[in-house]
Amino acid sequence: MHVSAVYTYFIYTGLLAIVVKLIVPMNEIRRLSIYAIVFGAIADAIILSIIKLIGPNGYINYGPFGFLGFAFFPFLAWTCYYILYFYILPKGKAIRIIYIITAASYSTLFANVLVNLGVFEWHYERAILPFCIYLAWHSLSTWGYLKLNRKRLINRCMVNMLYL
């Protein structure tokens, strides 16, 4: 293991956090954080657990930045990623579908970059299977976010109506 591989997660997570801080207003970061934790960090842990049952796939070479066989920084990175993802999420259905496909493609591409850097491993196919996983993940996350956020908006409107 190359020493710089250990810091890949740390550097990427730090850069992603800086981008989120520069682009997303603080009140939106607070609002989107719970969605990002659920659909980013927790979903990543569930997906990795399932993938590890299939075979030795997932994050590797994370050095001291891990616990129980899981790298710590990717959970933070996925949380930052989903804050940005939900903040930029388009309103229109057609453009949202393109957005989800593009995000899944980016995730597949980035996972393959991590494989090339020696910090992630796929022991199966490196394009279609990861793309399908990321497409399902992004689709379900978007659907869940929109459903939960719609209920939140409806509840807020009902409360506002009571005060009229």
C-alpha atoms as a PDB file:
ATOM      1  CA  MET A   1       0.000   0.000   0.000  1.00  0.00           C
ATOM      2  CA  HIS A   2       1.337   3.390  -0.958  1.00  0.00           C
ATOM      3  CA  VAL A   3       1.181   5.971   1.842  1.00  0.00           C
ATOM      4  CA  SER A   4      -0.536   8.532  -0.400  1.00  0.00           C
ATOM      5  CA  ALA A   5      -3.391   6.062  -1.028  1.00  0.00           C
ATOM      6  CA  VAL A   6      -4.315   6.321   2.652  1.00  0.00           C
ATOM      7  CA  TYR A   7      -4.882  10.067   2.288  1.00  0.00           C
ATOM      8  CA  THR A   8      -7.007   9.867  -0.886  1.00  0.00           C
ATOM      9  CA  TYR A   9     -10.244   9.640   1.124  1.00  0.00           C
ATOM     10  CA  PHE A  10      -9.176  12.439   3.452  1.00  0.00           C
ATOM     11  CA  ILE A  11      -8.239  14.780   0.582  1.00  0.00           C
ATOM     12  CA  TYR A  12     -11.369  14.047  -1.486  1.00  0.00           C
ATOM     13  CA  THR A  13     -13.668  14.458   1.526  1.00  0.00           C
ATOM     14  CA  GLY A  14     -11.962  17.728   2.463  1.00  0.00           C
ATOM     15  CA  LEU A  15     -12.271  19.124  -1.054  1.00  0.00           C
ATOM     16  CA  LEU A  16     -15.916  18.074  -1.265  1.00  0.00           C
ATOM     17  CA  ALA A  17     -16.653  19.713   2.102  1.00  0.00           C
ATOM     18  CA  ILE A  18     -15.025  22.947   0.901  1.00  0.00           C
ATOM     19  CA  VAL A  19     -17.124  22.914  -2.301  1.00  0.00           C
ATOM     20  CA  VAL A  20     -20.299  22.359  -0.260  1.00  0.00           C
ATOM     21  CA  LYS A  21     -19.377  25.205   2.107  1.00  0.00           C
ATOM     22  CA  LEU A  22     -18.693  27.558  -0.825  1.00  0.00           C
ATOM     23  CA  ILE A  23     -21.811  26.712  -2.857  1.00  0.00           C
ATOM     24  CA  VAL A  24     -24.551  25.743  -0.395  1.00  0.00           C
ATOM     25  CA  PRO A  25     -25.896  28.340   2.085  1.00  0.00           C
ATOM     26  CA  MET A  26     -25.557  27.324   5.739  1.00  0.00           C
ATOM     27  CA  ASN A  27     -29.325  27.130   6.345  1.00  0.00           C
ATOM     28  CA  GLU A  28     -29.601  24.711   3.388  1.00  0.00           C
ATOM     29  CA  ILE A  29     -26.673  22.649   4.697  1.00  0.00           C
ATOM     30  CA  ARG A  30     -28.527  22.296   8.003  1.00  0.00           C
ATOM     31  CA  ARG A  31     -31.796  21.415   6.265  1.00  0.00           C
ATOM     32  CA  LEU A  32     -30.258  18.930   3.829  1.00  0.00           C
ATOM     33  CA  SER A  33     -27.883  17.260   6.297  1.00  0.00           C
ATOM     34  CA  ILE A  34     -30.365  14.715   7.639  1.00  0.00           C
ATOM     35  CA  TYR A  35     -31.343  13.658   4.112  1.00  0.00           C
ATOM     36  CA  ALA A  36     -27.659  13.464   3.134  1.00  0.00           C
ATOM     37  CA  ILE A  37     -26.765  11.372   6.178  1.00  0.00           C
ATOM     38  CA  VAL A  38     -29.609   8.919   5.527  1.00  0.00           C
ATOM     39  CA  PHE A  39     -29.264   8.687   1.737  1.00  0.00           C
ATOM     40  CA  GLY A  40     -25.470   9.141   1.685  1.00  0.00           C
ATOM     41  CA  ALA A  41     -23.631   7.731   4.702  1.00  0.00           C
ATOM     42  CA  ILE A  42     -26.198   5.214   5.948  1.00  0.00           C
ATOM     43  CA  ALA A  43     -27.070   4.038   2.436  1.00  0.00           C
ATOM     44  CA  ASP A  44     -23.347   3.618   1.677  1.00  0.00           C
ATOM     45  CA  ALA A  45     -22.928   1.486   4.810  1.00  0.00           C
ATOM     46  CA  ILE A  46     -25.890  -0.703   3.809  1.00  0.00           C
ATOM     47  CA  ILE A  47     -24.714  -1.064   0.199  1.00  0.00           C
ATOM     48  CA  LEU A  48     -21.157  -1.875   1.301  1.00  0.00           C
ATOM     49  CA  SER A  49     -22.424  -4.456   3.776  1.00  0.00           C
ATOM     50  CA  ILE A  50     -24.419  -6.176   1.029  1.00  0.00           C
ATOM     51  CA  ILE A  51     -21.513  -5.983  -1.413  1.00  0.00           C
ATOM     52  CA  LYS A  52     -19.118  -7.422   1.203  1.00  0.00           C
ATOM     53  CA  LEU A  53     -21.457 -10.418   1.588  1.00  0.00           C
ATOM     54  CA  ILE A  54     -21.106 -11.080  -2.144  1.00  0.00           C
ATOM     55  CA  GLY A  55     -17.322 -10.927  -2.050  1.00  0.00           C
ATOM     56  CA  PRO A  56     -14.289  -8.839  -1.139  1.00  0.00           C
ATOM     57  CA  ASN A  57     -15.380  -5.565  -2.718  1.00  0.00           C
ATOM     58  CA  GLY A  58     -15.315  -2.049  -1.298  1.00  0.00           C
ATOM     59  CA  TYR A  59     -12.906   0.421   0.237  1.00  0.00           C
ATOM     60  CA  ILE A  60      -9.325  -0.698   0.820  1.00  0.00           C
ATOM     61  CA  ASN A  61      -6.074   0.956   1.904  1.00  0.00           C
ATOM     62  CA  TYR A  62      -7.675   3.410   4.310  1.00  0.00           C
ATOM     63  CA  GLY A  63      -5.016   2.903   6.979  1.00  0.00           C
ATOM     64  CA  PRO A  64      -5.960   4.216  10.410  1.00  0.00           C
ATOM     65  CA  PHE A  65      -9.053   5.998   9.005  1.00  0.00           C
ATOM     66  CA  GLY A  66     -11.397   3.055   9.370  1.00  0.00           C
ATOM     67  CA  PHE A  67     -13.372   0.943  11.810  1.00  0.00           C
ATOM     68  CA  LEU A  68     -14.671  -2.646  11.571  1.00  0.00           C
ATOM     69  CA  GLY A  69     -13.501  -2.958   7.978  1.00  0.00           C
ATOM     70  CA  PHE A  70     -15.112   0.277   6.798  1.00  0.00           C
ATOM     71  CA  ALA A  71     -13.338   3.476   5.809  1.00  0.00           C
ATOM     72  CA  PHE A  72     -14.535   6.483   7.818  1.00  0.00           C
ATOM     73  CA  PHE A  73     -14.066   9.325   5.319  1.00  0.00           C
ATOM     74  CA  PRO A  74     -16.229   7.931   2.483  1.00  0.00           C
ATOM     75  CA  PHE A  75     -19.275   8.177   4.771  1.00  0.00           C
ATOM     76  CA  LEU A  76     -18.506  11.863   5.289  1.00  0.00           C
ATOM     77  CA  ALA A  77     -17.810  12.298   1.573  1.00  0.00           C
ATOM     78  CA  TRP A  78     -21.161  10.731   0.621  1.00  0.00           C
ATOM     79  CA  THR A  79     -22.892  13.019   3.117  1.00  0.00           C
ATOM     80  CA  CYS A  80     -21.250  16.088   1.540  1.00  0.00           C
ATOM     81  CA  TYR A  81     -21.964  14.741  -1.940  1.00  0.00           C
ATOM     82  CA  TYR A  82     -25.674  14.319  -1.189  1.00  0.00           C
ATOM     83  CA  ILE A  83     -25.961  17.788   0.366  1.00  0.00           C
ATOM     84  CA  LEU A  84     -24.682  19.165  -2.930  1.00  0.00           C
ATOM     85  CA  TYR A  85     -26.737  16.673  -4.963  1.00  0.00           C
ATOM     86  CA  PHE A  86     -30.025  17.587  -3.247  1.00  0.00           C
ATOM     87  CA  TYR A  87     -29.240  21.311  -3.303  1.00  0.00           C
ATOM     88  CA  ILE A  88     -28.714  21.264  -7.086  1.00  0.00           C
ATOM     89  CA  LEU A  89     -31.521  18.744  -7.786  1.00  0.00           C
ATOM     90  CA  PRO A  90     -33.579  20.107 -10.712  1.00  0.00           C
ATOM     91  CA  LYS A  91     -37.315  20.730 -10.374  1.00  0.00           C
ATOM     92  CA  GLY A  92     -38.456  19.403 -13.768  1.00  0.00           C
ATOM     93  CA  LYS A  93     -39.000  15.655 -14.121  1.00  0.00           C
ATOM     94  CA  ALA A  94     -37.228  15.220 -17.490  1.00  0.00           C
ATOM     95  CA  ILE A  95     -34.122  17.150 -16.464  1.00  0.00           C
ATOM     96  CA  ARG A  96     -34.151  15.328 -13.115  1.00  0.00           C
ATOM     97  CA  ILE A  97     -33.916  11.976 -14.928  1.00  0.00           C
ATOM     98  CA  ILE A  98     -30.923  13.239 -16.908  1.00  0.00           C
ATOM     99  CA  TYR A  99     -29.427  14.553 -13.646  1.00  0.00           C
ATOM    100  CA  ILE A 100     -29.805  11.141 -11.935  1.00  0.00           C
ATOM    101  CA  ILE A 101     -28.224   9.311 -14.885  1.00  0.00           C
ATOM    102  CA  THR A 102     -25.373  11.845 -14.988  1.00  0.00           C
ATOM    103  CA  ALA A 103     -24.788  11.525 -11.226  1.00  0.00           C
ATOM    104  CA  ALA A 104     -24.755   7.715 -11.482  1.00  0.00           C
ATOM    105  CA  SER A 105     -22.297   7.963 -14.388  1.00  0.00           C
ATOM    106  CA  TYR A 106     -20.050  10.310 -12.391  1.00  0.00           C
ATOM    107  CA  SER A 107     -20.146   7.956  -9.401  1.00  0.00           C
ATOM    108  CA  THR A 108     -19.222   4.995 -11.617  1.00  0.00           C
ATOM    109  CA  LEU A 109     -16.393   6.951 -13.198  1.00  0.00           C
ATOM    110  CA  PHE A 110     -15.105   8.110  -9.808  1.00  0.00           C
ATOM    111  CA  ALA A 111     -15.318   4.579  -8.360  1.00  0.00           C
ATOM    112  CA  ASN A 112     -13.140   3.403 -11.240  1.00  0.00           C
ATOM    113  CA  VAL A 113     -10.652   6.196 -10.559  1.00  0.00           C
ATOM    114  CA  LEU A 114     -10.515   4.939  -6.954  1.00  0.00           C
ATOM    115  CA  VAL A 115      -9.930   1.397  -8.258  1.00  0.00           C
ATOM    116  CA  ASN A 116      -7.053   2.710 -10.383  1.00  0.00           C
ATOM    117  CA  LEU A 117      -5.620   4.505  -7.337  1.00  0.00           C
ATOM    118  CA  GLY A 118      -5.780   1.279  -5.327  1.00  0.00           C
ATOM    119  CA  VAL A 119      -8.228   2.527  -2.687  1.00  0.00           C
ATOM    120  CA  PHE A 120     -11.387   0.768  -3.872  1.00  0.00           C
ATOM    121  CA  GLU A 121     -11.913  -2.641  -5.408  1.00  0.00           C
ATOM    122  CA  TRP A 122     -14.491  -4.257  -7.634  1.00  0.00           C
ATOM    123  CA  HIS A 123     -13.963  -7.966  -8.189  1.00  0.00           C
ATOM    124  CA  TYR A 124     -16.717  -8.035 -10.745  1.00  0.00           C
ATOM    125  CA  GLU A 125     -17.445  -5.989 -13.810  1.00  0.00           C
ATOM    126  CA  ARG A 126     -16.332  -2.332 -13.503  1.00  0.00           C
ATOM    127  CA  ALA A 127     -18.890  -0.459 -15.644  1.00  0.00           C
ATOM    128  CA  ILE A 128     -22.392  -1.911 -15.892  1.00  0.00           C
ATOM    129  CA  LEU A 129     -22.752  -3.393 -12.390  1.00  0.00           C
ATOM    130  CA  PRO A 130     -21.444  -0.278 -10.601  1.00  0.00           C
ATOM    131  CA  PHE A 131     -23.570   1.957 -12.842  1.00  0.00           C
ATOM    132  CA  CYS A 132     -26.673  -0.086 -11.994  1.00  0.00           C
ATOM    133  CA  ILE A 133     -25.875   0.134  -8.276  1.00  0.00           C
ATOM    134  CA  TYR A 134     -25.322   3.905  -8.450  1.00  0.00           C
ATOM    135  CA  LEU A 135     -28.369   4.433 -10.665  1.00  0.00           C
ATOM    136  CA  ALA A 136     -30.578   2.548  -8.209  1.00  0.00           C
ATOM    137  CA  TRP A 137     -28.998   4.404  -5.274  1.00  0.00           C
ATOM    138  CA  HIS A 138     -29.466   7.856  -6.826  1.00  0.00           C
ATOM    139  CA  SER A 139     -32.981   7.033  -8.037  1.00  0.00           C
ATOM    140  CA  LEU A 140     -34.141   5.772  -4.635  1.00  0.00           C
ATOM    141  CA  SER A 141     -32.426   8.654  -2.845  1.00  0.00           C
ATOM    142  CA  THR A 142     -34.065  11.212  -5.102  1.00  0.00           C
ATOM    143  CA  TRP A 143     -37.475   9.565  -4.759  1.00  0.00           C
ATOM    144  CA  GLY A 144     -37.120   9.379  -0.953  1.00  0.00           C
ATOM    145  CA  TYR A 145     -35.908  12.944  -0.677  1.00  0.00           C
ATOM    146  CA  LEU A 146     -38.764  14.265  -2.814  1.00  0.00           C
ATOM    147  CA  LYS A 147     -41.381  12.258  -0.875  1.00  0.00           C
ATOM    148  CA  LEU A 148     -40.036  13.342   2.515  1.00  0.00           C
ATOM    149  CA  ASN A 149     -39.543  16.931   1.412  1.00  0.00           C
ATOM    150  CA  ARG A 150     -43.048  17.116  -0.090  1.00  0.00           C
ATOM    151  CA  LYS A 151     -44.568  16.015   3.228  1.00  0.00           C
ATOM    152  CA  ARG A 152     -42.446  18.620   4.995  1.00  0.00           C
ATOM    153  CA  LEU A 153     -43.741  21.331   2.626  1.00  0.00           C
ATOM    154  CA  ILE A 154     -47.343  20.191   3.072  1.00  0.00           C
ATOM    155  CA  ASN A 155     -46.967  20.253   6.859  1.00  0.00           C
ATOM    156  CA  ARG A 156     -45.412  23.715   6.716  1.00  0.00           C
ATOM    157  CA  CYS A 157     -48.301  24.997   4.542  1.00  0.00           C
ATOM    158  CA  MET A 158     -50.856  23.512   6.959  1.00  0.00           C
ATOM    159  CA  VAL A 159     -49.175  25.227   9.920  1.00  0.00           C
ATOM    160  CA  ASN A 160     -49.049  28.525   8.033  1.00  0.00           C
ATOM    161  CA  MET A 161     -52.741  28.242   7.184  1.00  0.00           C
ATOM    162  CA  LEU A 162     -53.565  27.837  10.866  1.00  0.00           C
ATOM    163  CA  TYR A 163     -51.932  31.179  11.614  1.00  0.00           C
ATOM    164  CA  LEU A 164     -53.857  33.080   8.894  1.00  0.00           C
END
